[in-house]
């Protein structure tokens, strides 16, 4: 791999390699000294044109745990806010000798342009572009699912395993969700079955071509389809032109029909995981009792994100060469 732009670009072997490497990285993070010398002397730039807390901090932590030098670049207060183009920003980063650029951008396709336009000689990692893709979020979701539903249930190390036979329900604002798009591609590649659950107004045009089922009824999906994991999506009101009222009658009606609560969770299998990419709208797409339920792995997803992003940076910058890694 030269870049990590989309889960649609990952083969099954690529995805499993990333998950297996993340498992190795996670194992090192329980030690007293968590830092590895793997990327010493490399420079990772976090280039964020959209606000972010957990993703930026997660990438920064991952790079620092691998001993890379990290530069955080925010569009606000930078030359970008003065009108500098993406090309000129990229040329500046190239001149600074960036080895990897982690980019979050409001425009779909911006990371692909950075990777393919020839403006910089660096690995590009997509940290979310518009409503298009968020590959490391999908990878950390798959990592979390595999750890619990393959590793813990079988009592065996899940290294090398895929997600064949597992069922995942992705619920809510699919239309505006890059997390949903990334997860559908990756989960399908890993062999899982996916059902999208949403009102028709929150499903994108062409969704029938996605490798997934579609349902408009959450209770029915939980009770009859029996998913192994229920992934709730944030209602992205900031992306809704015309306001949320153009997509559903009221927050109360949305929560009543598509929100996850303890009553609904009881319809799913006892082992079903509760997931959410964050930040959560408690009381809208998920209730407090569901978010804090014993089956919730939402906080663990954040922790697993560091290991997954360490794996991505390691494979892109160290080339997966074991001679460049020292985990002892």
C-alpha atoms as a PDB file:
ATOM      1  CA  UNK A   1       0.000   0.000   0.000  1.00  0.00           C
ATOM      2  CA  UNK A   2       1.176   3.494  -0.823  1.00  0.00           C
ATOM      3  CA  UNK A   3      -1.866   5.385   0.498  1.00  0.00           C
ATOM      4  CA  UNK A   4      -4.970   4.648   2.569  1.00  0.00           C
ATOM      5  CA  UNK A   5      -7.794   6.495   0.840  1.00  0.00           C
ATOM      6  CA  UNK A   6     -10.842   4.220   0.783  1.00  0.00           C
ATOM      7  CA  UNK A   7     -11.915   0.859   2.147  1.00  0.00           C
ATOM      8  CA  UNK A   8     -13.114   0.073  -1.388  1.00  0.00           C
ATOM      9  CA  UNK A   9      -9.434  -0.053  -2.393  1.00  0.00           C
ATOM     10  CA  UNK A  10      -8.555  -2.717   0.178  1.00  0.00           C
ATOM     11  CA  UNK A  11      -8.411  -6.383  -0.746  1.00  0.00           C
ATOM     12  CA  UNK A  12      -9.326  -8.972   1.872  1.00  0.00           C
ATOM     13  CA  UNK A  13      -5.617  -9.701   2.425  1.00  0.00           C
ATOM     14  CA  UNK A  14      -4.875  -5.963   2.845  1.00  0.00           C
ATOM     15  CA  UNK A  15      -7.670  -5.590   5.385  1.00  0.00           C
ATOM     16  CA  UNK A  16      -6.632  -8.638   7.409  1.00  0.00           C
ATOM     17  CA  UNK A  17      -2.994  -7.479   7.381  1.00  0.00           C
ATOM     18  CA  UNK A  18      -4.077  -4.112   8.781  1.00  0.00           C
ATOM     19  CA  UNK A  19      -6.204  -5.770  11.481  1.00  0.00           C
ATOM     20  CA  UNK A  20      -3.462  -8.258  12.418  1.00  0.00           C
ATOM     21  CA  UNK A  21      -0.866  -5.478  12.600  1.00  0.00           C
ATOM     22  CA  UNK A  22      -3.251  -3.429  14.747  1.00  0.00           C
ATOM     23  CA  UNK A  23      -3.508  -6.394  17.123  1.00  0.00           C
ATOM     24  CA  UNK A  24       0.278  -6.400  17.452  1.00  0.00           C
ATOM     25  CA  UNK A  25       0.267  -2.661  18.073  1.00  0.00           C
ATOM     26  CA  UNK A  26      -2.503  -2.983  20.667  1.00  0.00           C
ATOM     27  CA  UNK A  27      -0.430  -5.579  22.536  1.00  0.00           C
ATOM     28  CA  UNK A  28       2.427  -3.097  22.914  1.00  0.00           C
ATOM     29  CA  UNK A  29       0.091  -0.459  24.387  1.00  0.00           C
ATOM     30  CA  UNK A  30      -0.492  -2.412  27.594  1.00  0.00           C
ATOM     31  CA  UNK A  31       3.181  -2.103  28.492  1.00  0.00           C
ATOM     32  CA  UNK A  32       4.574   0.477  30.871  1.00  0.00           C
ATOM     33  CA  UNK A  33       6.589   2.070  28.048  1.00  0.00           C
ATOM     34  CA  UNK A  34       4.258   2.338  25.084  1.00  0.00           C
ATOM     35  CA  UNK A  35       6.592   4.005  22.573  1.00  0.00           C
ATOM     36  CA  UNK A  36       8.178   2.115  19.704  1.00  0.00           C
ATOM     37  CA  UNK A  37      11.147   3.445  17.683  1.00  0.00           C
ATOM     38  CA  UNK A  38       9.653   2.334  14.368  1.00  0.00           C
ATOM     39  CA  UNK A  39       9.130   5.741  12.734  1.00  0.00           C
ATOM     40  CA  UNK A  40      11.897   7.725  14.395  1.00  0.00           C
ATOM     41  CA  UNK A  41      13.036  10.454  12.018  1.00  0.00           C
ATOM     42  CA  UNK A  42       9.795  10.406   9.989  1.00  0.00           C
ATOM     43  CA  UNK A  43       7.419  13.377   9.892  1.00  0.00           C
ATOM     44  CA  UNK A  44       3.643  12.968  10.003  1.00  0.00           C
ATOM     45  CA  UNK A  45       1.460  16.008   9.249  1.00  0.00           C
ATOM     46  CA  UNK A  46      -2.138  16.138  10.476  1.00  0.00           C
ATOM     47  CA  UNK A  47      -3.837  18.346   7.874  1.00  0.00           C
ATOM     48  CA  UNK A  48      -7.361  19.067   9.114  1.00  0.00           C
ATOM     49  CA  UNK A  49      -9.698  21.300   7.127  1.00  0.00           C
ATOM     50  CA  UNK A  50     -12.651  20.162   9.262  1.00  0.00           C
ATOM     51  CA  UNK A  51     -13.005  20.276  13.022  1.00  0.00           C
ATOM     52  CA  UNK A  52     -12.151  17.048  14.763  1.00  0.00           C
ATOM     53  CA  UNK A  53     -11.186  16.005  18.252  1.00  0.00           C
ATOM     54  CA  UNK A  54     -11.010  12.230  18.583  1.00  0.00           C
ATOM     55  CA  UNK A  55      -9.688  11.473  15.076  1.00  0.00           C
ATOM     56  CA  UNK A  56      -6.945  14.103  15.159  1.00  0.00           C
ATOM     57  CA  UNK A  57      -5.863  13.183  18.688  1.00  0.00           C
ATOM     58  CA  UNK A  58      -5.953   9.487  17.782  1.00  0.00           C
ATOM     59  CA  UNK A  59      -3.697   9.970  14.748  1.00  0.00           C
ATOM     60  CA  UNK A  60      -1.379  12.231  16.737  1.00  0.00           C
ATOM     61  CA  UNK A  61      -1.131   9.685  19.542  1.00  0.00           C
ATOM     62  CA  UNK A  62      -0.522   6.863  17.055  1.00  0.00           C
ATOM     63  CA  UNK A  63       2.309   8.744  15.311  1.00  0.00           C
ATOM     64  CA  UNK A  64       3.952   9.728  18.588  1.00  0.00           C
ATOM     65  CA  UNK A  65       3.727   6.173  19.945  1.00  0.00           C
ATOM     66  CA  UNK A  66       5.725   5.171  16.839  1.00  0.00           C
ATOM     67  CA  UNK A  67       8.279   7.946  17.604  1.00  0.00           C
ATOM     68  CA  UNK A  68       7.437  10.045  14.540  1.00  0.00           C
ATOM     69  CA  UNK A  69       7.635  13.835  14.579  1.00  0.00           C
ATOM     70  CA  UNK A  70       4.117  15.258  14.368  1.00  0.00           C
ATOM     71  CA  UNK A  71       2.977  18.580  12.910  1.00  0.00           C
ATOM     72  CA  UNK A  72      -0.644  19.590  13.468  1.00  0.00           C
ATOM     73  CA  UNK A  73      -1.989  21.871  10.745  1.00  0.00           C
ATOM     74  CA  UNK A  74      -5.436  23.374  11.178  1.00  0.00           C
ATOM     75  CA  UNK A  75      -7.102  25.311   8.374  1.00  0.00           C
ATOM     76  CA  UNK A  76      -8.418  27.844  10.848  1.00  0.00           C
ATOM     77  CA  UNK A  77      -5.826  30.531  11.484  1.00  0.00           C
ATOM     78  CA  UNK A  78      -3.591  29.198   8.700  1.00  0.00           C
ATOM     79  CA  UNK A  79      -2.846  30.404   5.196  1.00  0.00           C
ATOM     80  CA  UNK A  80      -5.820  28.349   4.021  1.00  0.00           C
ATOM     81  CA  UNK A  81      -8.137  30.784   5.792  1.00  0.00           C
ATOM     82  CA  UNK A  82      -6.420  33.508   3.743  1.00  0.00           C
ATOM     83  CA  UNK A  83      -7.269  31.767   0.485  1.00  0.00           C
ATOM     84  CA  UNK A  84      -4.325  29.401  -0.052  1.00  0.00           C
ATOM     85  CA  UNK A  85      -5.229  26.515  -2.370  1.00  0.00           C
ATOM     86  CA  UNK A  86      -4.943  22.824  -1.544  1.00  0.00           C
ATOM     87  CA  UNK A  87      -2.172  22.592  -4.143  1.00  0.00           C
ATOM     88  CA  UNK A  88      -0.077  25.325  -2.543  1.00  0.00           C
ATOM     89  CA  UNK A  89      -0.594  23.797   0.908  1.00  0.00           C
ATOM     90  CA  UNK A  90       0.576  20.442  -0.482  1.00  0.00           C
ATOM     91  CA  UNK A  91       3.650  22.015  -2.072  1.00  0.00           C
ATOM     92  CA  UNK A  92       4.494  23.612   1.268  1.00  0.00           C
ATOM     93  CA  UNK A  93       4.249  20.249   3.030  1.00  0.00           C
ATOM     94  CA  UNK A  94       6.426  18.681   0.333  1.00  0.00           C
ATOM     95  CA  UNK A  95       9.054  21.367   0.875  1.00  0.00           C
ATOM     96  CA  UNK A  96       8.961  20.625   4.608  1.00  0.00           C
ATOM     97  CA  UNK A  97       9.726  16.959   3.925  1.00  0.00           C
ATOM     98  CA  UNK A  98       6.491  15.389   5.164  1.00  0.00           C
ATOM     99  CA  UNK A  99       6.594  11.589   5.007  1.00  0.00           C
ATOM    100  CA  UNK A 100       2.873  11.108   5.653  1.00  0.00           C
ATOM    101  CA  UNK A 101      -0.087  13.462   5.469  1.00  0.00           C
ATOM    102  CA  UNK A 102      -3.241  12.648   7.392  1.00  0.00           C
ATOM    103  CA  UNK A 103      -5.980  14.735   5.784  1.00  0.00           C
ATOM    104  CA  UNK A 104      -9.563  15.505   6.781  1.00  0.00           C
ATOM    105  CA  UNK A 105     -11.410  17.674   4.299  1.00  0.00           C
ATOM    106  CA  UNK A 106     -14.980  18.842   3.765  1.00  0.00           C
ATOM    107  CA  UNK A 107     -14.755  18.068   0.038  1.00  0.00           C
ATOM    108  CA  UNK A 108     -15.162  14.462  -1.097  1.00  0.00           C
ATOM    109  CA  UNK A 109     -12.120  13.404  -3.106  1.00  0.00           C
ATOM    110  CA  UNK A 110      -9.619  15.875  -1.619  1.00  0.00           C
ATOM    111  CA  UNK A 111      -7.337  13.099  -0.224  1.00  0.00           C
ATOM    112  CA  UNK A 112      -7.382  11.352  -3.623  1.00  0.00           C
ATOM    113  CA  UNK A 113      -6.277  14.592  -5.262  1.00  0.00           C
ATOM    114  CA  UNK A 114      -3.438  15.015  -2.767  1.00  0.00           C
ATOM    115  CA  UNK A 115      -2.326  11.442  -3.347  1.00  0.00           C
ATOM    116  CA  UNK A 116      -2.494  11.446  -7.140  1.00  0.00           C
ATOM    117  CA  UNK A 117      -1.811  15.005  -8.356  1.00  0.00           C
ATOM    118  CA  UNK A 118       1.959  14.748  -7.920  1.00  0.00           C
ATOM    119  CA  UNK A 119       2.160  17.715  -5.551  1.00  0.00           C
ATOM    120  CA  UNK A 120       3.900  15.877  -2.731  1.00  0.00           C
ATOM    121  CA  UNK A 121       5.880  12.697  -2.240  1.00  0.00           C
ATOM    122  CA  UNK A 122       4.228  11.338   0.892  1.00  0.00           C
ATOM    123  CA  UNK A 123       1.819   8.675   2.010  1.00  0.00           C
ATOM    124  CA  UNK A 124      -1.712  10.094   2.241  1.00  0.00           C
ATOM    125  CA  UNK A 125      -4.160   8.798   4.833  1.00  0.00           C
ATOM    126  CA  UNK A 126      -7.792   9.781   4.522  1.00  0.00           C
ATOM    127  CA  UNK A 127      -9.160  10.881   7.910  1.00  0.00           C
ATOM    128  CA  UNK A 128     -12.568  11.675   6.422  1.00  0.00           C
ATOM    129  CA  UNK A 129     -13.511  13.461   3.205  1.00  0.00           C
ATOM    130  CA  UNK A 130     -16.961  14.990   3.001  1.00  0.00           C
ATOM    131  CA  UNK A 131     -19.642  12.307   2.907  1.00  0.00           C
ATOM    132  CA  UNK A 132     -17.335   9.923   1.038  1.00  0.00           C
ATOM    133  CA  UNK A 133     -14.945   7.791   3.108  1.00  0.00           C
ATOM    134  CA  UNK A 134     -13.378   7.364   6.559  1.00  0.00           C
ATOM    135  CA  UNK A 135     -11.311   4.183   6.196  1.00  0.00           C
ATOM    136  CA  UNK A 136      -9.562   4.087   9.584  1.00  0.00           C
ATOM    137  CA  UNK A 137     -12.920   4.404  11.364  1.00  0.00           C
ATOM    138  CA  UNK A 138     -14.194   1.351   9.486  1.00  0.00           C
ATOM    139  CA  UNK A 139     -10.975  -0.517  10.272  1.00  0.00           C
ATOM    140  CA  UNK A 140     -11.237   0.205  13.990  1.00  0.00           C
ATOM    141  CA  UNK A 141     -14.880  -0.882  13.887  1.00  0.00           C
ATOM    142  CA  UNK A 142     -13.909  -4.164  12.193  1.00  0.00           C
ATOM    143  CA  UNK A 143     -11.051  -4.609  14.661  1.00  0.00           C
ATOM    144  CA  UNK A 144     -13.456  -4.187  17.589  1.00  0.00           C
ATOM    145  CA  UNK A 145     -15.992  -6.593  16.082  1.00  0.00           C
ATOM    146  CA  UNK A 146     -13.327  -9.208  15.354  1.00  0.00           C
ATOM    147  CA  UNK A 147     -11.815  -8.976  18.822  1.00  0.00           C
ATOM    148  CA  UNK A 148     -15.165  -9.584  20.543  1.00  0.00           C
ATOM    149  CA  UNK A 149     -17.172 -11.741  18.153  1.00  0.00           C
ATOM    150  CA  UNK A 150     -14.375 -13.871  16.708  1.00  0.00           C
ATOM    151  CA  UNK A 151     -11.656 -13.856  19.374  1.00  0.00           C
ATOM    152  CA  UNK A 152     -13.579 -13.831  22.658  1.00  0.00           C
ATOM    153  CA  UNK A 153     -16.444 -16.070  21.502  1.00  0.00           C
ATOM    154  CA  UNK A 154     -14.122 -18.713  20.080  1.00  0.00           C
ATOM    155  CA  UNK A 155     -11.518 -18.381  22.803  1.00  0.00           C
ATOM    156  CA  UNK A 156      -8.861 -18.312  20.090  1.00  0.00           C
ATOM    157  CA  UNK A 157      -6.540 -15.641  18.770  1.00  0.00           C
ATOM    158  CA  UNK A 158      -8.408 -13.981  15.867  1.00  0.00           C
ATOM    159  CA  UNK A 159      -5.202 -13.230  13.938  1.00  0.00           C
ATOM    160  CA  UNK A 160      -5.769 -14.044  10.284  1.00  0.00           C
ATOM    161  CA  UNK A 161      -9.533 -14.294  10.746  1.00  0.00           C
ATOM    162  CA  UNK A 162     -12.173 -12.535   8.699  1.00  0.00           C
ATOM    163  CA  UNK A 163     -15.756 -11.687   9.720  1.00  0.00           C
ATOM    164  CA  UNK A 164     -17.537 -14.351   7.671  1.00  0.00           C
ATOM    165  CA  UNK A 165     -20.944 -15.287   9.059  1.00  0.00           C
ATOM    166  CA  UNK A 166     -21.367 -12.173  11.189  1.00  0.00           C
ATOM    167  CA  UNK A 167     -24.268  -9.763  10.772  1.00  0.00           C
ATOM    168  CA  UNK A 168     -23.950  -6.010  11.300  1.00  0.00           C
ATOM    169  CA  UNK A 169     -26.824  -3.519  11.330  1.00  0.00           C
ATOM    170  CA  UNK A 170     -25.851   0.070  10.504  1.00  0.00           C
ATOM    171  CA  UNK A 171     -28.608   2.378  11.679  1.00  0.00           C
ATOM    172  CA  UNK A 172     -29.509   6.017  11.099  1.00  0.00           C
ATOM    173  CA  UNK A 173     -28.225   8.843   8.931  1.00  0.00           C
ATOM    174  CA  UNK A 174     -26.675   6.775   6.153  1.00  0.00           C
ATOM    175  CA  UNK A 175     -27.114   9.587   3.617  1.00  0.00           C
ATOM    176  CA  UNK A 176     -24.551  11.900   5.213  1.00  0.00           C
ATOM    177  CA  UNK A 177     -22.292   9.207   6.697  1.00  0.00           C
ATOM    178  CA  UNK A 178     -18.815   8.477   5.379  1.00  0.00           C
ATOM    179  CA  UNK A 179     -18.582   5.964   8.244  1.00  0.00           C
ATOM    180  CA  UNK A 180     -21.480   3.964   6.783  1.00  0.00           C
ATOM    181  CA  UNK A 181     -19.967   3.954   3.292  1.00  0.00           C
ATOM    182  CA  UNK A 182     -16.570   2.847   4.555  1.00  0.00           C
ATOM    183  CA  UNK A 183     -18.032   0.147   6.780  1.00  0.00           C
ATOM    184  CA  UNK A 184     -20.286  -1.332   4.097  1.00  0.00           C
ATOM    185  CA  UNK A 185     -17.304  -1.826   1.771  1.00  0.00           C
ATOM    186  CA  UNK A 186     -14.943  -3.195   4.438  1.00  0.00           C
ATOM    187  CA  UNK A 187     -17.422  -5.463   6.194  1.00  0.00           C
ATOM    188  CA  UNK A 188     -18.476  -6.935   2.845  1.00  0.00           C
ATOM    189  CA  UNK A 189     -14.820  -7.517   1.903  1.00  0.00           C
ATOM    190  CA  UNK A 190     -14.296  -9.323   5.220  1.00  0.00           C
ATOM    191  CA  UNK A 191     -17.316 -11.549   4.645  1.00  0.00           C
ATOM    192  CA  UNK A 192     -19.889 -10.015   6.985  1.00  0.00           C
ATOM    193  CA  UNK A 193     -23.515  -9.344   6.054  1.00  0.00           C
ATOM    194  CA  UNK A 194     -24.706  -5.754   6.431  1.00  0.00           C
ATOM    195  CA  UNK A 195     -28.199  -4.315   6.766  1.00  0.00           C
ATOM    196  CA  UNK A 196     -28.713  -0.559   6.544  1.00  0.00           C
ATOM    197  CA  UNK A 197     -31.639   0.669   8.639  1.00  0.00           C
ATOM    198  CA  UNK A 198     -32.891   4.204   7.995  1.00  0.00           C
ATOM    199  CA  UNK A 199     -35.877   6.238   6.866  1.00  0.00           C
ATOM    200  CA  UNK A 200     -36.024   6.599   3.055  1.00  0.00           C
ATOM    201  CA  UNK A 201     -35.094  10.286   3.384  1.00  0.00           C
ATOM    202  CA  UNK A 202     -31.759   9.361   4.988  1.00  0.00           C
ATOM    203  CA  UNK A 203     -30.648   6.827   2.368  1.00  0.00           C
ATOM    204  CA  UNK A 204     -28.511   7.936  -0.603  1.00  0.00           C
ATOM    205  CA  UNK A 205     -29.511   7.592  -4.222  1.00  0.00           C
ATOM    206  CA  UNK A 206     -28.107   4.341  -5.576  1.00  0.00           C
ATOM    207  CA  UNK A 207     -27.967   2.578  -2.212  1.00  0.00           C
ATOM    208  CA  UNK A 208     -29.483  -0.505  -3.842  1.00  0.00           C
ATOM    209  CA  UNK A 209     -26.150  -1.054  -5.615  1.00  0.00           C
ATOM    210  CA  UNK A 210     -24.260  -1.252  -2.314  1.00  0.00           C
ATOM    211  CA  UNK A 211     -23.307  -4.737  -1.058  1.00  0.00           C
ATOM    212  CA  UNK A 212     -25.894  -4.585   1.734  1.00  0.00           C
ATOM    213  CA  UNK A 213     -29.573  -5.026   2.547  1.00  0.00           C
ATOM    214  CA  UNK A 214     -31.897  -2.101   3.325  1.00  0.00           C
ATOM    215  CA  UNK A 215     -34.610  -1.997   5.982  1.00  0.00           C
ATOM    216  CA  UNK A 216     -36.902   0.781   7.140  1.00  0.00           C
ATOM    217  CA  UNK A 217     -37.815  -0.977  10.408  1.00  0.00           C
ATOM    218  CA  UNK A 218     -35.348  -1.164  13.304  1.00  0.00           C
ATOM    219  CA  UNK A 219     -37.452  -3.369  15.604  1.00  0.00           C
ATOM    220  CA  UNK A 220     -37.987  -5.908  12.836  1.00  0.00           C
ATOM    221  CA  UNK A 221     -34.295  -5.964  11.949  1.00  0.00           C
ATOM    222  CA  UNK A 222     -33.221  -6.505  15.553  1.00  0.00           C
ATOM    223  CA  UNK A 223     -35.815  -9.151  16.320  1.00  0.00           C
ATOM    224  CA  UNK A 224     -35.930 -11.119  13.067  1.00  0.00           C
ATOM    225  CA  UNK A 225     -32.471 -10.616  11.484  1.00  0.00           C
ATOM    226  CA  UNK A 226     -30.649 -10.935  14.847  1.00  0.00           C
ATOM    227  CA  UNK A 227     -27.517  -8.843  14.146  1.00  0.00           C
ATOM    228  CA  UNK A 228     -24.259  -9.544  15.979  1.00  0.00           C
ATOM    229  CA  UNK A 229     -23.432  -5.832  16.135  1.00  0.00           C
ATOM    230  CA  UNK A 230     -25.623  -2.724  16.011  1.00  0.00           C
ATOM    231  CA  UNK A 231     -23.753   0.333  14.757  1.00  0.00           C
ATOM    232  CA  UNK A 232     -25.625   3.572  15.387  1.00  0.00           C
ATOM    233  CA  UNK A 233     -24.801   6.609  13.243  1.00  0.00           C
ATOM    234  CA  UNK A 234     -24.770  10.210  14.376  1.00  0.00           C
ATOM    235  CA  UNK A 235     -27.577  12.347  12.965  1.00  0.00           C
ATOM    236  CA  UNK A 236     -25.486  14.933  11.093  1.00  0.00           C
ATOM    237  CA  UNK A 237     -27.706  17.959  11.365  1.00  0.00           C
ATOM    238  CA  UNK A 238     -24.871  20.239  10.230  1.00  0.00           C
ATOM    239  CA  UNK A 239     -24.939  18.568   6.782  1.00  0.00           C
ATOM    240  CA  UNK A 240     -28.711  18.742   6.368  1.00  0.00           C
ATOM    241  CA  UNK A 241     -29.586  21.536   3.967  1.00  0.00           C
ATOM    242  CA  UNK A 242     -32.944  22.950   4.969  1.00  0.00           C
ATOM    243  CA  UNK A 243     -32.461  21.671   8.503  1.00  0.00           C
ATOM    244  CA  UNK A 244     -33.271  18.345  10.105  1.00  0.00           C
ATOM    245  CA  UNK A 245     -36.971  18.968   9.569  1.00  0.00           C
ATOM    246  CA  UNK A 246     -36.469  18.346   5.862  1.00  0.00           C
ATOM    247  CA  UNK A 247     -35.444  14.739   6.634  1.00  0.00           C
ATOM    248  CA  UNK A 248     -37.651  13.641   9.561  1.00  0.00           C
ATOM    249  CA  UNK A 249     -40.710  15.127  11.299  1.00  0.00           C
ATOM    250  CA  UNK A 250     -39.099  15.818  14.677  1.00  0.00           C
ATOM    251  CA  UNK A 251     -36.227  14.620  16.897  1.00  0.00           C
ATOM    252  CA  UNK A 252     -38.770  12.865  19.110  1.00  0.00           C
ATOM    253  CA  UNK A 253     -40.266  10.977  16.156  1.00  0.00           C
ATOM    254  CA  UNK A 254     -36.807   9.999  14.877  1.00  0.00           C
ATOM    255  CA  UNK A 255     -35.763   8.706  18.290  1.00  0.00           C
ATOM    256  CA  UNK A 256     -39.016   6.819  18.684  1.00  0.00           C
ATOM    257  CA  UNK A 257     -38.596   5.076  15.314  1.00  0.00           C
ATOM    258  CA  UNK A 258     -34.848   4.727  14.765  1.00  0.00           C
ATOM    259  CA  UNK A 259     -33.221   5.387  18.151  1.00  0.00           C
ATOM    260  CA  UNK A 260     -31.553   2.561  20.084  1.00  0.00           C
ATOM    261  CA  UNK A 261     -32.691   2.122  23.678  1.00  0.00           C
ATOM    262  CA  UNK A 262     -32.663  -0.673  26.241  1.00  0.00           C
ATOM    263  CA  UNK A 263     -36.047  -2.022  25.106  1.00  0.00           C
ATOM    264  CA  UNK A 264     -34.894  -2.317  21.504  1.00  0.00           C
ATOM    265  CA  UNK A 265     -31.526  -3.752  22.493  1.00  0.00           C
ATOM    266  CA  UNK A 266     -33.343  -6.574  24.283  1.00  0.00           C
ATOM    267  CA  UNK A 267     -34.686  -7.675  20.874  1.00  0.00           C
ATOM    268  CA  UNK A 268     -31.153  -8.354  19.606  1.00  0.00           C
ATOM    269  CA  UNK A 269     -29.057 -11.408  20.548  1.00  0.00           C
ATOM    270  CA  UNK A 270     -27.541 -11.380  24.029  1.00  0.00           C
ATOM    271  CA  UNK A 271     -24.042 -11.082  22.578  1.00  0.00           C
ATOM    272  CA  UNK A 272     -24.832  -8.185  20.201  1.00  0.00           C
ATOM    273  CA  UNK A 273     -22.381  -5.280  20.413  1.00  0.00           C
ATOM    274  CA  UNK A 274     -23.518  -1.651  20.638  1.00  0.00           C
ATOM    275  CA  UNK A 275     -21.310   0.628  18.535  1.00  0.00           C
ATOM    276  CA  UNK A 276     -21.167   4.318  17.603  1.00  0.00           C
ATOM    277  CA  UNK A 277     -18.406   6.278  15.795  1.00  0.00           C
ATOM    278  CA  UNK A 278     -18.984   9.344  17.989  1.00  0.00           C
ATOM    279  CA  UNK A 279     -19.664  11.987  18.916  1.00  0.00           C
ATOM    280  CA  UNK A 280     -23.051  10.763  20.125  1.00  0.00           C
ATOM    281  CA  UNK A 281     -26.309  12.672  20.214  1.00  0.00           C
ATOM    282  CA  UNK A 282     -27.585  11.066  23.410  1.00  0.00           C
ATOM    283  CA  UNK A 283     -31.356  10.970  23.421  1.00  0.00           C
ATOM    284  CA  UNK A 284     -31.585  11.190  19.625  1.00  0.00           C
ATOM    285  CA  UNK A 285     -30.004   8.211  17.849  1.00  0.00           C
ATOM    286  CA  UNK A 286     -29.057   6.444  21.086  1.00  0.00           C
ATOM    287  CA  UNK A 287     -30.335   6.583  24.655  1.00  0.00           C
ATOM    288  CA  UNK A 288     -28.090   6.863  27.691  1.00  0.00           C
ATOM    289  CA  UNK A 289     -28.983   3.351  28.859  1.00  0.00           C
ATOM    290  CA  UNK A 290     -27.991   1.877  25.481  1.00  0.00           C
ATOM    291  CA  UNK A 291     -24.806   3.963  25.189  1.00  0.00           C
ATOM    292  CA  UNK A 292     -23.694   2.897  28.667  1.00  0.00           C
ATOM    293  CA  UNK A 293     -24.935  -0.696  28.438  1.00  0.00           C
ATOM    294  CA  UNK A 294     -22.659  -3.589  29.347  1.00  0.00           C
ATOM    295  CA  UNK A 295     -22.684  -4.595  25.660  1.00  0.00           C
ATOM    296  CA  UNK A 296     -21.537  -1.134  24.527  1.00  0.00           C
ATOM    297  CA  UNK A 297     -18.001  -1.007  23.100  1.00  0.00           C
ATOM    298  CA  UNK A 298     -18.148   2.684  22.189  1.00  0.00           C
ATOM    299  CA  UNK A 299     -15.319   3.749  24.509  1.00  0.00           C
ATOM    300  CA  UNK A 300     -13.241   0.752  23.419  1.00  0.00           C
ATOM    301  CA  UNK A 301     -13.650   1.817  19.791  1.00  0.00           C
ATOM    302  CA  UNK A 302     -11.750   5.029  20.618  1.00  0.00           C
ATOM    303  CA  UNK A 303      -8.895   3.073  22.234  1.00  0.00           C
ATOM    304  CA  UNK A 304      -8.749   0.633  19.318  1.00  0.00           C
ATOM    305  CA  UNK A 305      -8.491   3.588  16.947  1.00  0.00           C
ATOM    306  CA  UNK A 306      -4.989   4.328  18.194  1.00  0.00           C
ATOM    307  CA  UNK A 307      -3.792   0.784  17.475  1.00  0.00           C
ATOM    308  CA  UNK A 308      -5.410   0.759  14.015  1.00  0.00           C
ATOM    309  CA  UNK A 309      -3.855   4.100  13.081  1.00  0.00           C
ATOM    310  CA  UNK A 310      -0.477   2.944  14.370  1.00  0.00           C
ATOM    311  CA  UNK A 311      -0.824  -0.068  12.071  1.00  0.00           C
ATOM    312  CA  UNK A 312      -1.731   2.083   9.067  1.00  0.00           C
ATOM    313  CA  UNK A 313       1.186   4.459   9.610  1.00  0.00           C
ATOM    314  CA  UNK A 314       3.582   1.581  10.181  1.00  0.00           C
ATOM    315  CA  UNK A 315       2.569  -0.310   7.051  1.00  0.00           C
ATOM    316  CA  UNK A 316       2.651   2.806   4.868  1.00  0.00           C
ATOM    317  CA  UNK A 317       5.906   4.286   6.162  1.00  0.00           C
ATOM    318  CA  UNK A 318       7.907   1.255   7.263  1.00  0.00           C
ATOM    319  CA  UNK A 319       6.574  -0.847   4.416  1.00  0.00           C
ATOM    320  CA  UNK A 320       5.725  -3.707   6.747  1.00  0.00           C
ATOM    321  CA  UNK A 321       9.448  -4.488   7.014  1.00  0.00           C
ATOM    322  CA  UNK A 322       9.984  -6.251  10.352  1.00  0.00           C
ATOM    323  CA  UNK A 323      13.618  -5.096  10.353  1.00  0.00           C
ATOM    324  CA  UNK A 324      12.348  -1.532  10.831  1.00  0.00           C
ATOM    325  CA  UNK A 325      10.203  -2.399  13.844  1.00  0.00           C
ATOM    326  CA  UNK A 326      11.345  -3.056  17.382  1.00  0.00           C
ATOM    327  CA  UNK A 327       8.569  -4.091  19.731  1.00  0.00           C
ATOM    328  CA  UNK A 328      10.820  -5.590  22.358  1.00  0.00           C
END
